[in-house]
């Protein structure tokens, strides 16, 4: 009686739920690794600054178009870099959220 908490037939359902949870956990780990290793690009200033990051939010590259480098307006270039990096990070968050939603069926789980 103890394995089914006193309710006949409960043990099989609990076992199935545990297997489903385990498979979901494995799928979540797979998606986190896949998205984490993917490369995402984001540009600012009409392509003046392009940032490439990995989905795990690690910066890979920054490309700056030479014509946007103005020694008299370094602040604008700094702003474009910040905008591109922040946009890329937001894109990584959005991509991870979208892929996790597919795995969890919309359940709001902490990852």
N, C-alpha and C. Protein backbone atom coordinates (compact mmCIF):
# COMPACT_ATOMS: atom_id res chain seq x y z
N UNK A 1 0.80 -1.20 0.00
CA UNK A 1 0.00 0.00 0.00
C UNK A 1 0.84 1.26 0.00
N UNK A 2 2.00 1.23 0.56
CA UNK A 2 2.82 2.43 0.72
C UNK A 2 3.25 3.02 -0.61
N UNK A 3 3.52 2.16 -1.62
CA UNK A 3 4.02 2.71 -2.87
C UNK A 3 2.98 3.51 -3.63
N UNK A 4 1.72 3.26 -3.42
CA UNK A 4 0.67 4.02 -4.10
C UNK A 4 0.00 5.01 -3.18
N UNK A 5 0.57 5.23 -2.03
CA UNK A 5 0.02 6.16 -1.04
C UNK A 5 -1.40 5.77 -0.65
N UNK A 6 -1.66 4.45 -0.62
CA UNK A 6 -2.96 3.97 -0.17
C UNK A 6 -4.01 3.98 -1.25
N UNK A 7 -3.67 4.38 -2.46
CA UNK A 7 -4.66 4.42 -3.54
C UNK A 7 -4.25 3.41 -4.60
N UNK A 8 -5.10 2.45 -4.88
CA UNK A 8 -4.76 1.43 -5.88
C UNK A 8 -4.49 2.06 -7.25
N UNK A 9 -3.44 1.55 -7.91
CA UNK A 9 -3.13 2.00 -9.26
C UNK A 9 -2.31 3.28 -9.32
N UNK A 10 -2.06 3.89 -8.23
CA UNK A 10 -1.34 5.17 -8.21
C UNK A 10 0.14 5.01 -8.53
N UNK A 11 0.74 3.88 -8.18
CA UNK A 11 2.17 3.66 -8.40
C UNK A 11 2.56 3.76 -9.85
N UNK A 12 1.80 3.18 -10.76
CA UNK A 12 2.09 3.23 -12.20
C UNK A 12 2.03 4.64 -12.75
N UNK A 13 1.03 5.39 -12.34
CA UNK A 13 0.89 6.78 -12.80
C UNK A 13 2.03 7.64 -12.30
N UNK A 14 2.44 7.41 -11.06
CA UNK A 14 3.53 8.19 -10.48
C UNK A 14 4.82 7.88 -11.23
N UNK A 15 5.00 6.62 -11.55
CA UNK A 15 6.21 6.21 -12.28
C UNK A 15 6.24 6.86 -13.66
N UNK A 16 5.09 6.88 -14.33
CA UNK A 16 5.01 7.52 -15.64
C UNK A 16 5.29 9.02 -15.55
N UNK A 17 4.75 9.66 -14.52
CA UNK A 17 5.00 11.09 -14.33
C UNK A 17 6.48 11.35 -14.11
N UNK A 18 7.13 10.50 -13.33
CA UNK A 18 8.56 10.66 -13.07
C UNK A 18 9.36 10.47 -14.35
N UNK A 19 8.99 9.51 -15.18
CA UNK A 19 9.68 9.30 -16.45
C UNK A 19 9.50 10.49 -17.37
N UNK A 20 8.29 11.03 -17.43
CA UNK A 20 8.03 12.21 -18.26
C UNK A 20 8.85 13.40 -17.77
N UNK A 21 8.91 13.59 -16.46
CA UNK A 21 9.67 14.69 -15.90
C UNK A 21 11.16 14.52 -16.21
N UNK A 22 11.64 13.30 -16.14
CA UNK A 22 13.04 13.03 -16.43
C UNK A 22 13.36 13.32 -17.90
N UNK A 23 12.45 12.89 -18.80
CA UNK A 23 12.64 13.17 -20.23
C UNK A 23 12.61 14.67 -20.51
N UNK A 24 11.70 15.38 -19.84
CA UNK A 24 11.62 16.83 -20.03
C UNK A 24 12.91 17.49 -19.54
N UNK A 25 13.42 17.04 -18.42
CA UNK A 25 14.67 17.60 -17.89
C UNK A 25 15.82 17.37 -18.88
N UNK A 26 15.88 16.19 -19.47
CA UNK A 26 16.92 15.90 -20.47
C UNK A 26 16.76 16.79 -21.69
N UNK A 27 15.52 17.00 -22.11
CA UNK A 27 15.25 17.85 -23.27
C UNK A 27 15.61 19.30 -22.97
N UNK A 28 15.30 19.76 -21.76
CA UNK A 28 15.66 21.12 -21.36
C UNK A 28 17.17 21.29 -21.40
N UNK A 29 17.91 20.32 -20.88
CA UNK A 29 19.37 20.40 -20.90
C UNK A 29 19.90 20.43 -22.33
N UNK A 30 19.30 19.63 -23.20
CA UNK A 30 19.72 19.60 -24.60
C UNK A 30 19.50 20.95 -25.26
N UNK A 31 18.31 21.53 -25.04
CA UNK A 31 17.99 22.83 -25.64
C UNK A 31 18.89 23.92 -25.08
N UNK A 32 19.14 23.91 -23.78
CA UNK A 32 20.03 24.92 -23.19
C UNK A 32 21.42 24.84 -23.81
N UNK A 33 21.91 23.63 -24.02
CA UNK A 33 23.23 23.48 -24.63
C UNK A 33 23.20 23.92 -26.09
N UNK A 34 22.16 23.52 -26.82
CA UNK A 34 22.06 23.87 -28.23
C UNK A 34 21.96 25.37 -28.43
N UNK A 35 21.07 26.02 -27.70
CA UNK A 35 20.92 27.47 -27.83
C UNK A 35 22.17 28.17 -27.31
N UNK A 36 22.75 27.66 -26.23
CA UNK A 36 23.96 28.25 -25.67
C UNK A 36 25.12 28.26 -26.63
N UNK A 37 25.19 27.25 -27.48
CA UNK A 37 26.28 27.16 -28.45
C UNK A 37 25.96 27.83 -29.78
N UNK A 38 24.72 28.24 -29.97
CA UNK A 38 24.36 28.88 -31.24
C UNK A 38 24.88 30.31 -31.27
N UNK A 39 25.14 30.81 -32.48
CA UNK A 39 25.61 32.17 -32.67
C UNK A 39 24.44 33.06 -33.08
N UNK A 40 24.35 34.20 -32.43
CA UNK A 40 23.28 35.15 -32.70
C UNK A 40 23.92 36.49 -33.07
N UNK A 41 23.34 37.14 -34.06
CA UNK A 41 23.86 38.44 -34.51
C UNK A 41 22.81 39.52 -34.29
N UNK A 42 23.31 40.70 -33.96
CA UNK A 42 22.44 41.85 -33.79
C UNK A 42 23.22 43.08 -34.25
N UNK A 43 22.56 43.97 -34.97
CA UNK A 43 23.26 45.17 -35.43
C UNK A 43 22.51 46.42 -34.97
N UNK A 44 23.27 47.50 -34.89
CA UNK A 44 22.71 48.80 -34.49
C UNK A 44 23.22 49.85 -35.48
N UNK A 45 22.49 50.94 -35.55
CA UNK A 45 22.90 52.04 -36.43
C UNK A 45 22.84 51.66 -37.89
N UNK A 46 21.82 50.88 -38.27
CA UNK A 46 21.69 50.49 -39.67
C UNK A 46 22.83 49.61 -40.15
N UNK A 47 23.39 48.83 -39.25
CA UNK A 47 24.48 47.93 -39.62
C UNK A 47 25.86 48.52 -39.36
N UNK A 48 25.92 49.70 -38.77
CA UNK A 48 27.21 50.33 -38.49
C UNK A 48 28.02 49.51 -37.49
N UNK A 49 27.31 48.91 -36.53
CA UNK A 49 27.95 48.05 -35.53
C UNK A 49 27.18 46.75 -35.49
N UNK A 50 27.91 45.64 -35.66
CA UNK A 50 27.29 44.32 -35.61
C UNK A 50 27.99 43.50 -34.53
N UNK A 51 27.17 42.87 -33.69
CA UNK A 51 27.68 42.06 -32.59
C UNK A 51 27.26 40.62 -32.81
N UNK A 52 28.18 39.71 -32.58
CA UNK A 52 27.87 38.28 -32.62
C UNK A 52 28.13 37.73 -31.22
N UNK A 53 27.13 37.05 -30.66
CA UNK A 53 27.29 36.41 -29.36
C UNK A 53 26.84 34.97 -29.46
N UNK A 54 27.26 34.19 -28.50
CA UNK A 54 26.73 32.84 -28.34
C UNK A 54 25.46 32.95 -27.50
N UNK A 55 24.58 32.00 -27.64
CA UNK A 55 23.33 32.01 -26.88
C UNK A 55 23.53 32.01 -25.38
N UNK A 56 24.70 31.61 -24.93
CA UNK A 56 25.00 31.63 -23.49
C UNK A 56 25.46 33.03 -23.05
N UNK A 57 25.30 34.00 -23.95
CA UNK A 57 25.58 35.42 -23.70
C UNK A 57 27.07 35.70 -23.58
N UNK A 58 27.85 34.99 -24.33
CA UNK A 58 29.29 35.23 -24.40
C UNK A 58 29.59 35.93 -25.71
N UNK A 59 30.25 37.07 -25.63
CA UNK A 59 30.55 37.87 -26.81
C UNK A 59 31.56 37.15 -27.69
N UNK A 60 31.26 37.05 -28.98
CA UNK A 60 32.17 36.40 -29.92
C UNK A 60 32.90 37.44 -30.78
N UNK A 61 32.15 38.41 -31.30
CA UNK A 61 32.77 39.37 -32.22
C UNK A 61 31.99 40.68 -32.24
N UNK A 62 32.72 41.74 -32.54
CA UNK A 62 32.13 43.06 -32.80
C UNK A 62 32.71 43.54 -34.11
N UNK A 63 31.83 43.91 -35.04
CA UNK A 63 32.27 44.47 -36.32
C UNK A 63 31.80 45.92 -36.38
N UNK A 64 32.72 46.80 -36.70
CA UNK A 64 32.40 48.23 -36.79
C UNK A 64 32.73 48.70 -38.21
N UNK A 65 31.76 49.28 -38.87
CA UNK A 65 31.98 49.83 -40.20
C UNK A 65 32.91 51.04 -40.08
N UNK A 66 33.96 51.08 -40.87
CA UNK A 66 34.94 52.17 -40.75
C UNK A 66 34.34 53.57 -40.91
N UNK A 67 33.30 53.69 -41.73
CA UNK A 67 32.73 55.02 -41.96
C UNK A 67 31.97 55.57 -40.75
N UNK A 68 31.70 54.74 -39.75
CA UNK A 68 31.01 55.26 -38.56
C UNK A 68 31.98 55.65 -37.46
N UNK A 69 33.28 55.51 -37.72
CA UNK A 69 34.28 55.90 -36.74
C UNK A 69 34.65 57.37 -36.97
N UNK A 70 34.14 58.19 -36.08
CA UNK A 70 34.39 59.64 -36.16
C UNK A 70 35.13 60.05 -34.88
N UNK A 71 36.39 60.42 -34.98
CA UNK A 71 37.15 60.78 -33.78
C UNK A 71 36.53 61.93 -32.99
N UNK A 72 35.70 62.71 -33.65
CA UNK A 72 35.05 63.83 -32.97
C UNK A 72 33.75 63.42 -32.29
N UNK A 73 33.31 62.18 -32.52
CA UNK A 73 32.05 61.72 -31.94
C UNK A 73 32.19 60.27 -31.46
N UNK A 74 33.11 60.06 -30.57
CA UNK A 74 33.35 58.72 -30.01
C UNK A 74 32.14 58.24 -29.22
N UNK A 75 31.42 59.17 -28.59
CA UNK A 75 30.25 58.80 -27.80
C UNK A 75 29.19 58.09 -28.64
N UNK A 76 29.01 58.52 -29.88
CA UNK A 76 28.02 57.87 -30.73
C UNK A 76 28.42 56.42 -30.99
N UNK A 77 29.69 56.18 -31.26
CA UNK A 77 30.17 54.82 -31.49
C UNK A 77 30.00 53.98 -30.23
N UNK A 78 30.30 54.54 -29.08
CA UNK A 78 30.10 53.82 -27.83
C UNK A 78 28.63 53.46 -27.64
N UNK A 79 27.74 54.39 -27.93
CA UNK A 79 26.31 54.15 -27.80
C UNK A 79 25.85 53.03 -28.75
N UNK A 80 26.39 53.05 -29.98
CA UNK A 80 26.03 52.00 -30.94
C UNK A 80 26.50 50.63 -30.47
N UNK A 81 27.69 50.57 -29.90
CA UNK A 81 28.21 49.30 -29.38
C UNK A 81 27.34 48.79 -28.23
N UNK A 82 27.00 49.68 -27.33
CA UNK A 82 26.15 49.30 -26.20
C UNK A 82 24.80 48.81 -26.70
N UNK A 83 24.21 49.53 -27.65
CA UNK A 83 22.91 49.13 -28.20
C UNK A 83 22.98 47.76 -28.87
N UNK A 84 24.04 47.52 -29.61
CA UNK A 84 24.18 46.23 -30.30
C UNK A 84 24.38 45.09 -29.31
N UNK A 85 25.21 45.30 -28.30
CA UNK A 85 25.45 44.25 -27.29
C UNK A 85 24.16 43.96 -26.52
N UNK A 86 23.49 45.01 -26.07
CA UNK A 86 22.24 44.82 -25.33
C UNK A 86 21.17 44.15 -26.19
N UNK A 87 21.11 44.52 -27.46
CA UNK A 87 20.16 43.88 -28.38
C UNK A 87 20.47 42.41 -28.57
N UNK A 88 21.74 42.08 -28.66
CA UNK A 88 22.14 40.68 -28.83
C UNK A 88 21.81 39.87 -27.59
N UNK A 89 22.01 40.44 -26.41
CA UNK A 89 21.67 39.74 -25.17
C UNK A 89 20.17 39.51 -25.09
N UNK A 90 19.39 40.52 -25.45
CA UNK A 90 17.93 40.37 -25.45
C UNK A 90 17.50 39.29 -26.45
N UNK A 91 18.18 39.24 -27.59
CA UNK A 91 17.89 38.21 -28.60
C UNK A 91 18.20 36.81 -28.05
N UNK A 92 19.30 36.69 -27.31
CA UNK A 92 19.66 35.39 -26.71
C UNK A 92 18.60 34.97 -25.70
N UNK A 93 18.15 35.91 -24.86
CA UNK A 93 17.10 35.61 -23.88
C UNK A 93 15.81 35.18 -24.58
N UNK A 94 15.45 35.92 -25.61
CA UNK A 94 14.22 35.63 -26.36
C UNK A 94 14.30 34.26 -27.03
N UNK A 95 15.44 33.95 -27.61
CA UNK A 95 15.63 32.66 -28.29
C UNK A 95 15.53 31.52 -27.29
N UNK A 96 16.19 31.65 -26.14
CA UNK A 96 16.14 30.61 -25.12
C UNK A 96 14.71 30.42 -24.63
N UNK A 97 14.02 31.52 -24.37
CA UNK A 97 12.64 31.45 -23.88
C UNK A 97 11.73 30.75 -24.89
N UNK A 98 11.89 31.10 -26.16
CA UNK A 98 11.06 30.50 -27.21
C UNK A 98 11.31 28.99 -27.32
N UNK A 99 12.58 28.59 -27.27
CA UNK A 99 12.91 27.17 -27.38
C UNK A 99 12.47 26.39 -26.14
N UNK A 100 12.58 26.99 -24.97
CA UNK A 100 12.13 26.34 -23.74
C UNK A 100 10.61 26.19 -23.73
N UNK A 101 9.93 27.18 -24.27
CA UNK A 101 8.47 27.11 -24.34
C UNK A 101 8.03 25.89 -25.15
N UNK A 102 8.77 25.58 -26.20
CA UNK A 102 8.46 24.40 -27.02
C UNK A 102 8.59 23.12 -26.20
N UNK A 103 9.61 23.07 -25.34
CA UNK A 103 9.88 21.86 -24.55
C UNK A 103 8.89 21.72 -23.41
N UNK A 104 8.60 22.82 -22.72
CA UNK A 104 7.78 22.75 -21.52
C UNK A 104 6.28 22.91 -21.78
N UNK A 105 5.95 23.20 -23.02
CA UNK A 105 4.54 23.37 -23.34
C UNK A 105 3.94 24.61 -22.68
N UNK A 106 4.78 25.57 -22.38
CA UNK A 106 4.30 26.82 -21.80
C UNK A 106 4.30 26.83 -20.29
N UNK A 107 4.69 25.72 -19.65
CA UNK A 107 4.77 25.73 -18.18
C UNK A 107 5.86 26.70 -17.77
N UNK A 108 5.59 27.49 -16.77
CA UNK A 108 6.54 28.49 -16.31
C UNK A 108 7.49 27.84 -15.29
N UNK A 109 8.59 27.28 -15.79
CA UNK A 109 9.56 26.61 -14.94
C UNK A 109 10.82 27.46 -14.81
N UNK A 110 11.42 27.47 -13.63
CA UNK A 110 12.68 28.23 -13.48
C UNK A 110 13.84 27.44 -14.07
N UNK A 111 14.64 28.05 -14.94
CA UNK A 111 15.83 27.40 -15.49
C UNK A 111 17.02 28.24 -15.12
